[in-house]
């Protein structure tokens, strides 16, 4: 699946905004949380049976999530449960959740496109360039840079403030504390053994891609 800077269609933007406190992104990239009561359902409202489809122009102001969110990677090797922290990485979590709800990660031919035995696996390149595309119409700024610990979920980049859609999961029990330049936005809470199995999958030595495709879908629970 290729994703360009053309118009993207994402599901659940309205329901996401209703379930969280959206923030506005300032010109300098900072965010501020505002209470939004207009989109909260009342006791007499009937929830829609299907997610509302919203047309998002890349680069327009997008409400950012806050708080903790749970997602499950249903991989061909087994399930991995992630806890996503939008309080420390609101752009990365909002990006991941919206791309997931739009099913842009689901069953990519190269869902997991790089494995490093005993260390990590890399996934989620929806544009096929090794980094992917974001909901913000390009790359977005770094957040929550810190030494990588076991089970961390972080954004792939090729330099400062170059995050797209691709992410990686640290499977090593010892983490990777020498790596401090990646935006950490989540943590594996269940299925680290599956992450280790994926990271240790036989690979092609030229590009470190798995010898057999490892695909996944993403289920966002909250």
N, C-alpha and C. Protein backbone atom coordinates (compact mmCIF):
# COMPACT_ATOMS: atom_id res chain seq x y z
N UNK A 1 0.84 -1.20 0.00
CA UNK A 1 0.00 0.00 0.00
C UNK A 1 0.87 1.23 0.00
N UNK A 2 0.60 2.14 -0.90
CA UNK A 2 1.35 3.39 -0.98
C UNK A 2 0.52 4.53 -0.43
N UNK A 3 1.11 5.41 0.30
CA UNK A 3 0.44 6.58 0.84
C UNK A 3 1.19 7.80 0.41
N UNK A 4 0.50 8.71 -0.26
CA UNK A 4 1.12 9.94 -0.72
C UNK A 4 0.57 11.09 0.10
N UNK A 5 0.95 12.29 -0.28
CA UNK A 5 0.47 13.47 0.44
C UNK A 5 -0.91 13.89 -0.03
N UNK A 6 -1.56 13.08 -0.85
CA UNK A 6 -2.91 13.37 -1.29
C UNK A 6 -3.87 13.19 -0.12
N UNK A 7 -5.17 13.47 -0.37
CA UNK A 7 -6.16 13.41 0.69
C UNK A 7 -6.22 12.02 1.31
N UNK A 8 -6.23 11.97 2.67
CA UNK A 8 -6.31 10.71 3.39
C UNK A 8 -7.69 10.59 4.01
N UNK A 9 -8.17 9.38 4.08
CA UNK A 9 -9.44 9.15 4.75
C UNK A 9 -9.19 8.34 6.00
N UNK A 10 -9.62 8.90 7.14
CA UNK A 10 -9.43 8.23 8.40
C UNK A 10 -10.78 8.03 9.08
N UNK A 11 -10.94 6.91 9.75
CA UNK A 11 -12.14 6.67 10.51
C UNK A 11 -11.93 7.06 11.95
N UNK A 12 -13.06 7.35 12.63
CA UNK A 12 -13.10 7.54 14.08
C UNK A 12 -12.48 8.84 14.57
N UNK A 13 -12.26 9.83 13.75
CA UNK A 13 -11.70 11.08 14.27
C UNK A 13 -12.66 11.72 15.26
N UNK A 14 -13.95 11.71 14.92
CA UNK A 14 -14.92 12.32 15.82
C UNK A 14 -15.04 11.53 17.12
N UNK A 15 -15.06 10.19 17.01
CA UNK A 15 -15.17 9.40 18.23
C UNK A 15 -13.92 9.51 19.07
N UNK A 16 -12.75 9.65 18.45
CA UNK A 16 -11.51 9.86 19.19
C UNK A 16 -11.57 11.18 19.95
N UNK A 17 -12.03 12.22 19.27
CA UNK A 17 -12.09 13.53 19.90
C UNK A 17 -13.09 13.52 21.05
N UNK A 18 -14.16 12.74 20.89
CA UNK A 18 -15.17 12.69 21.94
C UNK A 18 -14.69 11.95 23.17
N UNK A 19 -13.75 11.04 22.98
CA UNK A 19 -13.29 10.20 24.10
C UNK A 19 -12.04 10.74 24.76
N UNK A 20 -11.53 11.88 24.29
CA UNK A 20 -10.31 12.40 24.87
C UNK A 20 -10.38 13.92 24.92
N UNK A 21 -9.38 14.52 25.54
CA UNK A 21 -9.27 15.97 25.55
C UNK A 21 -8.37 16.38 24.42
N UNK A 22 -8.93 16.93 23.34
CA UNK A 22 -8.07 17.31 22.22
C UNK A 22 -7.21 18.50 22.57
N UNK A 23 -6.09 18.59 21.90
CA UNK A 23 -5.21 19.73 22.08
C UNK A 23 -4.98 20.39 20.75
N UNK A 24 -4.51 21.60 20.81
CA UNK A 24 -4.18 22.35 19.61
C UNK A 24 -2.68 22.46 19.50
N UNK A 25 -2.18 22.32 18.28
CA UNK A 25 -0.75 22.41 18.05
C UNK A 25 -0.40 23.84 17.70
N UNK A 26 0.50 24.44 18.46
CA UNK A 26 0.93 25.81 18.21
C UNK A 26 1.93 25.84 17.08
N UNK A 27 2.27 27.05 16.64
CA UNK A 27 3.21 27.19 15.54
C UNK A 27 4.56 26.58 15.86
N UNK A 28 4.94 26.59 17.15
CA UNK A 28 6.24 26.04 17.52
C UNK A 28 6.19 24.55 17.80
N UNK A 29 5.00 23.92 17.54
CA UNK A 29 4.90 22.48 17.72
C UNK A 29 4.43 22.08 19.10
N UNK A 30 4.30 23.04 20.05
CA UNK A 30 3.84 22.69 21.38
C UNK A 30 2.34 22.49 21.36
N UNK A 31 1.80 21.88 22.41
CA UNK A 31 0.38 21.62 22.44
C UNK A 31 -0.20 22.09 23.77
N UNK A 32 -1.47 22.45 23.75
CA UNK A 32 -2.17 22.84 24.95
C UNK A 32 -3.51 22.15 24.96
N UNK A 33 -3.93 21.63 26.13
CA UNK A 33 -5.16 20.85 26.24
C UNK A 33 -6.33 21.77 26.51
N UNK A 34 -7.41 21.54 25.78
CA UNK A 34 -8.62 22.30 26.00
C UNK A 34 -9.76 21.34 26.26
N UNK A 35 -10.64 21.70 27.17
CA UNK A 35 -11.82 20.88 27.41
C UNK A 35 -12.75 21.06 26.23
N UNK A 36 -13.37 19.96 25.80
CA UNK A 36 -14.28 20.00 24.66
C UNK A 36 -15.56 19.31 25.07
N UNK A 37 -16.57 20.09 25.37
CA UNK A 37 -17.82 19.52 25.84
C UNK A 37 -18.82 19.36 24.72
N UNK A 38 -18.62 20.01 23.59
CA UNK A 38 -19.59 19.96 22.52
C UNK A 38 -19.71 18.57 21.92
N UNK A 39 -18.63 17.82 21.91
CA UNK A 39 -18.64 16.53 21.24
C UNK A 39 -18.94 15.39 22.20
N UNK A 40 -19.19 15.68 23.50
CA UNK A 40 -19.49 14.63 24.45
C UNK A 40 -20.94 14.19 24.26
N UNK A 41 -21.21 12.87 24.12
CA UNK A 41 -22.59 12.42 23.95
C UNK A 41 -23.39 12.63 25.22
N UNK A 42 -24.67 12.92 25.07
CA UNK A 42 -25.56 13.05 26.21
C UNK A 42 -26.21 11.71 26.48
N UNK A 43 -26.94 11.64 27.61
CA UNK A 43 -27.57 10.38 27.97
C UNK A 43 -28.63 9.97 26.97
N UNK A 44 -29.19 10.95 26.23
CA UNK A 44 -30.27 10.65 25.30
C UNK A 44 -29.78 10.36 23.91
N UNK A 45 -28.48 10.55 23.65
CA UNK A 45 -27.96 10.31 22.32
C UNK A 45 -27.70 8.83 22.11
N UNK A 46 -27.95 8.36 20.91
CA UNK A 46 -27.67 6.98 20.56
C UNK A 46 -26.34 6.92 19.83
N UNK A 47 -25.38 6.17 20.37
CA UNK A 47 -24.08 6.10 19.71
C UNK A 47 -24.22 5.55 18.30
N UNK A 48 -23.48 6.07 17.34
CA UNK A 48 -23.55 5.55 15.98
C UNK A 48 -23.05 4.12 15.93
N UNK A 49 -23.66 3.33 15.05
CA UNK A 49 -23.27 1.93 14.93
C UNK A 49 -21.93 1.78 14.24
N UNK A 50 -21.57 2.73 13.41
CA UNK A 50 -20.30 2.68 12.70
C UNK A 50 -19.51 3.94 12.98
N UNK A 51 -18.19 3.83 12.85
CA UNK A 51 -17.35 5.00 13.03
C UNK A 51 -17.64 6.03 11.95
N UNK A 52 -17.62 7.29 12.33
CA UNK A 52 -17.81 8.35 11.36
C UNK A 52 -16.55 8.51 10.52
N UNK A 53 -16.72 8.54 9.21
CA UNK A 53 -15.56 8.71 8.33
C UNK A 53 -15.33 10.20 8.11
N UNK A 54 -14.15 10.63 8.35
CA UNK A 54 -13.82 12.05 8.28
C UNK A 54 -12.69 12.26 7.28
N UNK A 55 -12.86 13.23 6.42
CA UNK A 55 -11.81 13.54 5.46
C UNK A 55 -10.81 14.47 6.12
N UNK A 56 -9.57 14.07 6.12
CA UNK A 56 -8.51 14.85 6.76
C UNK A 56 -7.53 15.32 5.71
N UNK A 57 -7.37 16.61 5.60
CA UNK A 57 -6.35 17.15 4.71
C UNK A 57 -5.02 17.13 5.43
N UNK A 58 -4.02 16.44 4.90
CA UNK A 58 -2.71 16.41 5.57
C UNK A 58 -2.21 17.81 5.88
N UNK A 59 -1.77 18.00 7.12
CA UNK A 59 -1.23 19.28 7.50
C UNK A 59 -2.21 20.18 8.23
N UNK A 60 -3.52 19.84 8.15
CA UNK A 60 -4.48 20.67 8.87
C UNK A 60 -4.35 20.41 10.36
N UNK A 61 -4.93 21.30 11.19
CA UNK A 61 -4.89 21.10 12.63
C UNK A 61 -5.65 19.84 12.98
N UNK A 62 -5.03 18.96 13.74
CA UNK A 62 -5.63 17.69 14.12
C UNK A 62 -5.66 17.63 15.64
N UNK A 63 -6.83 17.36 16.23
CA UNK A 63 -6.90 17.24 17.70
C UNK A 63 -5.99 16.11 18.18
N UNK A 64 -5.21 16.39 19.20
CA UNK A 64 -4.29 15.41 19.73
C UNK A 64 -4.89 14.70 20.94
N UNK A 65 -4.60 13.42 21.05
CA UNK A 65 -5.07 12.63 22.17
C UNK A 65 -4.27 12.94 23.43
N UNK A 66 -4.84 12.57 24.57
CA UNK A 66 -4.13 12.64 25.84
C UNK A 66 -4.45 11.37 26.61
N UNK A 67 -3.72 11.14 27.69
CA UNK A 67 -3.99 9.98 28.52
C UNK A 67 -3.41 8.69 27.97
N UNK A 68 -3.83 7.56 28.57
CA UNK A 68 -3.33 6.25 28.21
C UNK A 68 -4.30 5.54 27.27
N UNK A 69 -3.76 4.81 26.32
CA UNK A 69 -4.56 4.08 25.34
C UNK A 69 -3.96 2.69 25.15
N UNK A 70 -4.81 1.73 24.83
CA UNK A 70 -4.37 0.36 24.67
C UNK A 70 -4.60 -0.09 23.23
N UNK A 71 -3.61 -0.76 22.67
CA UNK A 71 -3.73 -1.31 21.32
C UNK A 71 -3.15 -2.72 21.32
N UNK A 72 -3.68 -3.56 20.45
CA UNK A 72 -3.18 -4.92 20.32
C UNK A 72 -2.70 -5.13 18.88
N UNK A 73 -1.44 -5.55 18.75
CA UNK A 73 -0.93 -5.98 17.46
C UNK A 73 -1.27 -7.46 17.31
N UNK A 74 -2.19 -7.76 16.40
CA UNK A 74 -2.52 -9.15 16.10
C UNK A 74 -1.59 -9.60 14.97
N UNK A 75 -0.45 -10.17 15.33
CA UNK A 75 0.54 -10.54 14.33
C UNK A 75 0.35 -12.00 13.92
N UNK A 76 0.99 -12.38 12.83
CA UNK A 76 0.93 -13.76 12.38
C UNK A 76 1.70 -14.69 13.30
N UNK A 77 2.41 -14.15 14.29
CA UNK A 77 3.13 -14.94 15.29
C UNK A 77 2.39 -14.98 16.63
N UNK A 78 1.43 -14.09 16.81
CA UNK A 78 0.71 -14.00 18.08
C UNK A 78 0.42 -12.54 18.41
N UNK A 79 -0.24 -12.32 19.54
CA UNK A 79 -0.68 -10.98 19.92
C UNK A 79 0.33 -10.27 20.82
N UNK A 80 0.45 -8.96 20.61
CA UNK A 80 1.30 -8.11 21.44
C UNK A 80 0.44 -6.93 21.90
N UNK A 81 0.30 -6.76 23.20
CA UNK A 81 -0.51 -5.67 23.74
C UNK A 81 0.39 -4.48 24.08
N UNK A 82 -0.04 -3.30 23.64
CA UNK A 82 0.73 -2.08 23.85
C UNK A 82 -0.07 -1.09 24.71
N UNK A 83 0.63 -0.44 25.62
CA UNK A 83 0.06 0.69 26.35
C UNK A 83 0.70 1.95 25.77
N UNK A 84 -0.14 2.84 25.25
CA UNK A 84 0.34 4.05 24.58
C UNK A 84 0.12 5.26 25.48
N UNK A 85 1.14 6.09 25.64
CA UNK A 85 1.08 7.23 26.55
C UNK A 85 1.04 8.54 25.77
N UNK A 86 -0.18 9.05 25.60
CA UNK A 86 -0.35 10.29 24.85
C UNK A 86 0.00 11.53 25.68
N UNK A 87 0.20 11.36 26.97
CA UNK A 87 0.60 12.51 27.79
C UNK A 87 2.05 12.90 27.53
N UNK A 88 2.89 11.92 27.19
CA UNK A 88 4.30 12.22 26.94
C UNK A 88 4.62 12.28 25.44
N UNK A 89 3.75 11.69 24.61
CA UNK A 89 3.99 11.68 23.16
C UNK A 89 2.66 11.81 22.43
N UNK A 90 2.00 12.96 22.55
CA UNK A 90 0.65 13.11 21.96
C UNK A 90 0.61 12.98 20.45
N UNK A 91 1.62 13.51 19.76
CA UNK A 91 1.61 13.43 18.30
C UNK A 91 1.83 11.99 17.83
N UNK A 92 2.77 11.30 18.44
CA UNK A 92 3.07 9.93 18.04
C UNK A 92 1.88 9.01 18.31
N UNK A 93 1.25 9.16 19.47
CA UNK A 93 0.12 8.30 19.81
C UNK A 93 -1.08 8.61 18.92
N UNK A 94 -1.38 9.88 18.71
CA UNK A 94 -2.49 10.25 17.83
C UNK A 94 -2.25 9.71 16.43
N UNK A 95 -1.04 9.84 15.95
CA UNK A 95 -0.68 9.34 14.62
C UNK A 95 -0.91 7.82 14.55
N UNK A 96 -0.39 7.09 15.53
CA UNK A 96 -0.52 5.63 15.54
C UNK A 96 -1.98 5.21 15.63
N UNK A 97 -2.75 5.83 16.52
CA UNK A 97 -4.14 5.45 16.71
C UNK A 97 -4.97 5.73 15.46
N UNK A 98 -4.80 6.89 14.85
CA UNK A 98 -5.60 7.22 13.67
C UNK A 98 -5.23 6.34 12.48
N UNK A 99 -3.94 6.10 12.28
CA UNK A 99 -3.55 5.20 11.20
C UNK A 99 -4.08 3.79 11.45
N UNK A 100 -4.10 3.38 12.72
CA UNK A 100 -4.62 2.05 13.06
C UNK A 100 -6.11 1.97 12.81
N UNK A 101 -6.84 2.97 13.24
CA UNK A 101 -8.30 2.97 13.05
C UNK A 101 -8.66 3.05 11.56
N UNK A 102 -7.80 3.65 10.79
CA UNK A 102 -8.02 3.71 9.33
C UNK A 102 -7.57 2.42 8.64
N UNK A 103 -7.01 1.48 9.43
CA UNK A 103 -6.58 0.16 8.95
C UNK A 103 -5.44 0.25 7.94
N UNK A 104 -4.65 1.29 8.04
CA UNK A 104 -3.54 1.45 7.10
C UNK A 104 -2.35 0.56 7.43
N UNK A 105 -2.30 0.05 8.66
CA UNK A 105 -1.25 -0.91 9.00
C UNK A 105 -1.64 -2.34 8.66
N UNK A 106 -2.93 -2.58 8.48
CA UNK A 106 -3.44 -3.94 8.45
C UNK A 106 -2.98 -4.72 7.23
N UNK A 107 -2.33 -5.85 7.51
CA UNK A 107 -1.95 -6.83 6.49
C UNK A 107 -1.06 -6.26 5.38
N UNK A 108 -0.21 -5.29 5.73
CA UNK A 108 0.79 -4.84 4.78
C UNK A 108 1.67 -6.02 4.38
N UNK A 109 2.03 -6.09 3.11
CA UNK A 109 2.86 -7.20 2.64
C UNK A 109 4.15 -7.30 3.44
N UNK A 110 4.74 -6.16 3.74
CA UNK A 110 5.93 -6.11 4.58
C UNK A 110 5.60 -5.42 5.89
N UNK A 111 4.62 -5.98 6.60
CA UNK A 111 4.19 -5.37 7.86
C UNK A 111 5.34 -5.18 8.82
N UNK A 112 6.05 -6.27 9.09
CA UNK A 112 7.33 -6.20 9.80
C UNK A 112 8.41 -6.24 8.74
N UNK A 113 9.15 -5.14 8.58
CA UNK A 113 10.07 -5.07 7.44
C UNK A 113 11.54 -5.17 7.83
N UNK A 114 11.83 -5.25 9.13
CA UNK A 114 13.22 -5.42 9.54
C UNK A 114 13.25 -6.09 10.92
N UNK A 115 14.15 -7.05 11.09
CA UNK A 115 14.30 -7.71 12.39
C UNK A 115 15.77 -7.69 12.79
N UNK A 116 16.00 -7.46 14.07
CA UNK A 116 17.35 -7.47 14.63
C UNK A 116 17.36 -8.49 15.76
N UNK A 117 17.94 -9.68 15.54
CA UNK A 117 17.88 -10.76 16.52
C UNK A 117 18.34 -10.32 17.91
N UNK A 118 17.52 -10.69 18.90
CA UNK A 118 17.85 -10.38 20.28
C UNK A 118 17.69 -8.92 20.65
N UNK A 119 17.17 -8.09 19.71
CA UNK A 119 17.15 -6.65 19.96
C UNK A 119 15.77 -6.03 19.72
N UNK A 120 15.26 -6.08 18.46
CA UNK A 120 14.03 -5.37 18.15
C UNK A 120 13.50 -5.81 16.80
N UNK A 121 12.25 -5.39 16.52
CA UNK A 121 11.73 -5.50 15.15
C UNK A 121 11.09 -4.17 14.76
N UNK A 122 11.09 -3.91 13.47
CA UNK A 122 10.60 -2.64 12.93
C UNK A 122 9.41 -2.90 12.01
N UNK A 123 8.37 -2.08 12.11
CA UNK A 123 7.12 -2.33 11.39
C UNK A 123 6.42 -1.01 11.05
N UNK A 124 5.34 -1.11 10.27
CA UNK A 124 4.45 0.03 10.07
C UNK A 124 4.84 1.03 9.01
N UNK A 125 5.64 0.60 8.01
CA UNK A 125 6.01 1.52 6.93
C UNK A 125 4.91 1.49 5.87
N UNK A 126 3.98 2.44 5.94
CA UNK A 126 2.82 2.41 5.05
C UNK A 126 3.11 3.03 3.68
N UNK A 127 4.28 3.63 3.50
CA UNK A 127 4.60 4.25 2.22
C UNK A 127 5.70 3.52 1.47
N UNK A 128 6.36 2.55 2.12
CA UNK A 128 7.36 1.75 1.45
C UNK A 128 8.73 2.39 1.32
N UNK A 129 8.99 3.44 2.10
CA UNK A 129 10.29 4.11 2.01
C UNK A 129 11.16 3.89 3.24
N UNK A 130 10.70 3.01 4.16
CA UNK A 130 11.47 2.72 5.35
C UNK A 130 11.11 3.59 6.54
N UNK A 131 10.34 4.63 6.31
CA UNK A 131 9.98 5.55 7.40
C UNK A 131 8.47 5.72 7.49
N UNK A 132 7.79 5.73 6.34
CA UNK A 132 6.34 5.86 6.33
C UNK A 132 5.87 7.29 6.29
N UNK A 133 4.55 7.46 6.28
CA UNK A 133 3.92 8.78 6.23
C UNK A 133 3.05 8.98 7.45
N UNK A 134 2.86 10.23 7.83
CA UNK A 134 2.07 10.53 9.03
C UNK A 134 0.77 11.22 8.66
N UNK A 135 -0.11 11.34 9.64
CA UNK A 135 -1.39 12.03 9.45
C UNK A 135 -1.20 13.54 9.37
N UNK A 136 -0.01 14.02 9.68
CA UNK A 136 0.23 15.46 9.73
C UNK A 136 0.70 16.02 8.40
N UNK A 137 0.69 15.22 7.35
CA UNK A 137 1.05 15.71 6.03
C UNK A 137 2.53 15.71 5.76
N UNK A 138 3.30 15.04 6.57
CA UNK A 138 4.75 14.98 6.43
C UNK A 138 5.31 14.37 7.70
N UNK A 139 6.52 14.69 8.03
CA UNK A 139 7.10 14.19 9.28
C UNK A 139 6.65 15.07 10.44
N UNK A 140 6.84 14.56 11.65
CA UNK A 140 6.49 15.38 12.81
C UNK A 140 7.60 15.33 13.84
N UNK A 141 7.51 16.23 14.80
CA UNK A 141 8.62 16.49 15.72
C UNK A 141 8.83 15.35 16.72
N UNK A 142 10.04 15.28 17.26
CA UNK A 142 10.38 14.28 18.26
C UNK A 142 9.68 14.58 19.58
N UNK A 143 9.39 13.51 20.32
CA UNK A 143 8.78 13.62 21.64
C UNK A 143 9.39 12.55 22.54
N UNK A 144 9.52 12.86 23.82
CA UNK A 144 9.89 11.87 24.83
C UNK A 144 11.13 11.07 24.44
N UNK A 145 12.19 11.77 24.09
CA UNK A 145 13.46 11.10 23.79
C UNK A 145 14.09 10.59 25.08
N UNK A 146 14.42 9.31 25.11
CA UNK A 146 15.00 8.73 26.31
C UNK A 146 15.70 7.43 25.96
N UNK A 147 16.52 6.94 26.89
CA UNK A 147 17.19 5.65 26.68
C UNK A 147 16.14 4.56 26.54
N UNK A 148 16.33 3.68 25.56
CA UNK A 148 15.34 2.66 25.28
C UNK A 148 15.44 1.51 26.27
N UNK A 149 14.28 1.13 26.81
CA UNK A 149 14.20 0.02 27.76
C UNK A 149 13.48 -1.16 27.12
N UNK A 150 13.55 -2.31 27.75
CA UNK A 150 12.88 -3.50 27.25
C UNK A 150 11.38 -3.24 27.11
N UNK A 151 10.82 -3.61 25.95
CA UNK A 151 9.40 -3.45 25.70
C UNK A 151 8.98 -2.09 25.20
N UNK A 152 9.91 -1.15 25.08
CA UNK A 152 9.55 0.18 24.58
C UNK A 152 9.09 0.11 23.11
N UNK A 153 8.14 0.99 22.79
CA UNK A 153 7.67 1.17 21.42
C UNK A 153 8.04 2.59 21.02
N UNK A 154 8.78 2.75 19.94
CA UNK A 154 9.30 4.06 19.56
C UNK A 154 9.20 4.27 18.05
N UNK A 155 9.28 5.52 17.65
CA UNK A 155 9.19 5.87 16.23
C UNK A 155 10.53 5.67 15.53
N UNK A 156 10.45 5.18 14.30
CA UNK A 156 11.64 5.12 13.43
C UNK A 156 11.91 6.54 12.93
N UNK A 157 13.17 6.91 12.80
CA UNK A 157 13.50 8.19 12.18
C UNK A 157 14.81 8.07 11.43
N UNK A 158 15.10 9.08 10.61
CA UNK A 158 16.41 9.15 9.94
C UNK A 158 17.10 10.46 10.27
N UNK A 159 16.81 10.97 11.47
CA UNK A 159 17.37 12.23 11.93
C UNK A 159 16.35 12.93 12.81
N UNK A 160 16.72 14.06 13.38
CA UNK A 160 15.80 14.78 14.26
C UNK A 160 14.49 15.16 13.56
N UNK A 161 13.38 14.98 14.28
CA UNK A 161 12.06 15.45 13.83
C UNK A 161 11.67 14.90 12.46
N UNK A 162 11.92 13.60 12.25
CA UNK A 162 11.62 12.98 10.95
C UNK A 162 10.73 11.76 11.11
N UNK A 163 9.80 11.81 12.06
CA UNK A 163 8.91 10.68 12.33
C UNK A 163 7.81 10.59 11.28
N UNK A 164 7.48 9.35 10.89
CA UNK A 164 6.42 9.13 9.91
C UNK A 164 5.36 8.19 10.46
N UNK A 165 5.35 6.94 9.98
CA UNK A 165 4.42 5.94 10.53
C UNK A 165 5.15 4.73 11.08
N UNK A 166 6.37 4.47 10.62
CA UNK A 166 7.10 3.28 11.03
C UNK A 166 7.51 3.37 12.50
N UNK A 167 7.47 2.23 13.17
CA UNK A 167 7.80 2.17 14.59
C UNK A 167 8.59 0.89 14.85
N UNK A 168 9.18 0.80 16.03
CA UNK A 168 9.88 -0.43 16.38
C UNK A 168 9.58 -0.80 17.82
N UNK A 169 9.73 -2.10 18.11
CA UNK A 169 9.48 -2.65 19.43
C UNK A 169 10.77 -3.27 19.94
N UNK A 170 11.21 -2.82 21.11
CA UNK A 170 12.45 -3.33 21.71
C UNK A 170 12.15 -4.65 22.42
N UNK A 171 12.75 -5.74 21.95
CA UNK A 171 12.48 -7.05 22.52
C UNK A 171 13.55 -7.49 23.53
N UNK A 172 14.69 -6.85 23.52
CA UNK A 172 15.79 -7.23 24.40
C UNK A 172 15.43 -7.03 25.87
N UNK A 173 15.79 -8.00 26.70
CA UNK A 173 15.54 -7.87 28.14
C UNK A 173 16.34 -6.72 28.74
N UNK A 174 17.40 -6.32 28.08
CA UNK A 174 18.28 -5.28 28.60
C UNK A 174 18.02 -3.92 27.94
N UNK A 175 17.04 -3.88 27.01
CA UNK A 175 16.77 -2.64 26.31
C UNK A 175 17.91 -2.26 25.38
N UNK A 176 17.97 -0.98 25.06
CA UNK A 176 19.05 -0.45 24.23
C UNK A 176 19.38 0.95 24.76
N UNK A 177 19.96 1.03 25.96
CA UNK A 177 20.14 2.32 26.63
C UNK A 177 21.07 3.27 25.90
N UNK A 178 21.87 2.78 24.96
CA UNK A 178 22.74 3.66 24.20
C UNK A 178 21.99 4.42 23.10
N UNK A 179 20.75 4.01 22.84
CA UNK A 179 19.93 4.68 21.85
C UNK A 179 19.01 5.66 22.56
N UNK A 180 19.20 6.95 22.29
CA UNK A 180 18.46 8.00 23.00
C UNK A 180 17.84 9.03 22.06
N UNK A 181 17.74 8.70 20.78
CA UNK A 181 17.28 9.70 19.80
C UNK A 181 15.98 9.30 19.13
N UNK A 182 15.19 8.46 19.80
CA UNK A 182 13.94 7.99 19.21
C UNK A 182 12.77 8.32 20.14
N UNK A 183 11.65 8.68 19.54
CA UNK A 183 10.46 9.08 20.30
C UNK A 183 9.76 7.85 20.86
N UNK A 184 9.80 7.70 22.17
CA UNK A 184 9.15 6.56 22.83
C UNK A 184 7.70 6.94 23.13
N UNK A 185 6.75 6.14 22.62
CA UNK A 185 5.35 6.50 22.82
C UNK A 185 4.52 5.36 23.42
N UNK A 186 5.14 4.22 23.69
CA UNK A 186 4.37 3.12 24.25
C UNK A 186 5.25 2.06 24.89
N UNK A 187 4.56 1.03 25.42
CA UNK A 187 5.24 -0.05 26.14
C UNK A 187 4.47 -1.35 25.91
N UNK A 188 5.21 -2.43 25.72
CA UNK A 188 4.58 -3.75 25.64
C UNK A 188 4.16 -4.17 27.05
N UNK A 189 2.88 -4.48 27.22
CA UNK A 189 2.39 -4.94 28.53
C UNK A 189 2.08 -6.42 28.51
N UNK A 190 1.96 -7.00 27.33
CA UNK A 190 1.74 -8.44 27.22
C UNK A 190 2.22 -8.88 25.84
N UNK A 191 2.87 -10.03 25.79
CA UNK A 191 3.32 -10.54 24.50
C UNK A 191 4.75 -10.22 24.16
N UNK A 192 5.57 -9.90 25.16
CA UNK A 192 6.98 -9.63 24.87
C UNK A 192 7.65 -10.87 24.29
N UNK A 193 7.17 -12.05 24.67
CA UNK A 193 7.71 -13.29 24.09
C UNK A 193 7.45 -13.37 22.59
N UNK A 194 6.30 -12.84 22.17
CA UNK A 194 6.00 -12.80 20.74
C UNK A 194 6.91 -11.81 20.04
N UNK A 195 7.15 -10.65 20.69
CA UNK A 195 8.08 -9.67 20.12
C UNK A 195 9.47 -10.27 19.95
N UNK A 196 9.90 -11.06 20.92
CA UNK A 196 11.22 -11.71 20.81
C UNK A 196 11.24 -12.71 19.67
N UNK A 197 10.16 -13.46 19.51
CA UNK A 197 10.09 -14.43 18.41
C UNK A 197 10.18 -13.73 17.06
N UNK A 198 9.49 -12.61 16.93
CA UNK A 198 9.53 -11.85 15.67
C UNK A 198 10.94 -11.32 15.43
N UNK A 199 11.54 -10.72 16.45
CA UNK A 199 12.88 -10.15 16.30
C UNK A 199 13.90 -11.22 15.92
N UNK A 200 13.67 -12.45 16.36
CA UNK A 200 14.61 -13.55 16.09
C UNK A 200 14.27 -14.35 14.84
N UNK A 201 13.30 -13.88 14.07
CA UNK A 201 12.90 -14.61 12.86
C UNK A 201 14.06 -14.64 11.85
N UNK A 202 14.21 -15.73 11.09
CA UNK A 202 15.23 -15.77 10.04
C UNK A 202 15.08 -14.58 9.10
N UNK A 203 16.20 -14.00 8.69
CA UNK A 203 16.12 -12.77 7.90
C UNK A 203 17.07 -12.82 6.70
N UNK A 204 16.81 -11.93 5.77
CA UNK A 204 17.73 -11.71 4.65
C UNK A 204 18.85 -10.80 5.15
N UNK A 205 20.07 -11.18 4.93
CA UNK A 205 21.19 -10.42 5.48
C UNK A 205 21.44 -9.11 4.74
N UNK A 206 20.92 -8.98 3.52
CA UNK A 206 21.18 -7.72 2.79
C UNK A 206 20.34 -6.57 3.31
N UNK A 207 19.08 -6.83 3.66
CA UNK A 207 18.21 -5.74 4.13
C UNK A 207 17.58 -6.02 5.49
N UNK A 208 17.90 -7.16 6.10
CA UNK A 208 17.42 -7.54 7.42
C UNK A 208 15.91 -7.75 7.47
N UNK A 209 15.28 -7.93 6.31
CA UNK A 209 13.85 -8.23 6.27
C UNK A 209 13.62 -9.71 6.61
N UNK A 210 12.49 -10.03 7.24
CA UNK A 210 12.20 -11.44 7.53
C UNK A 210 12.15 -12.26 6.24
N UNK A 211 12.64 -13.49 6.31
CA UNK A 211 12.61 -14.34 5.13
C UNK A 211 11.19 -14.71 4.74
N UNK A 212 10.32 -14.84 5.73
CA UNK A 212 8.90 -15.07 5.48
C UNK A 212 8.12 -13.86 5.99
N UNK A 213 7.11 -13.39 5.23
CA UNK A 213 6.36 -12.19 5.64
C UNK A 213 5.73 -12.36 7.02
N UNK A 214 5.82 -11.31 7.81
CA UNK A 214 5.15 -11.25 9.11
C UNK A 214 4.17 -10.08 9.04
N UNK A 215 2.89 -10.39 8.99
CA UNK A 215 1.86 -9.37 8.86
C UNK A 215 1.15 -9.17 10.19
N UNK A 216 0.42 -8.07 10.28
CA UNK A 216 -0.33 -7.80 11.51
C UNK A 216 -1.50 -6.86 11.22
N UNK A 217 -2.45 -6.88 12.12
CA UNK A 217 -3.51 -5.87 12.17
C UNK A 217 -3.44 -5.22 13.54
N UNK A 218 -4.05 -4.05 13.66
CA UNK A 218 -4.02 -3.33 14.94
C UNK A 218 -5.44 -3.12 15.43
N UNK A 219 -5.69 -3.48 16.68
CA UNK A 219 -6.96 -3.24 17.34
C UNK A 219 -6.74 -2.22 18.44
N UNK A 220 -7.40 -1.07 18.34
CA UNK A 220 -7.31 -0.05 19.38
C UNK A 220 -8.50 -0.22 20.31
N UNK A 221 -8.21 -0.46 21.59
CA UNK A 221 -9.27 -0.73 22.56
C UNK A 221 -9.82 0.52 23.20
N UNK A 222 -8.97 1.54 23.36
CA UNK A 222 -9.42 2.76 24.03
C UNK A 222 -8.50 3.88 23.69
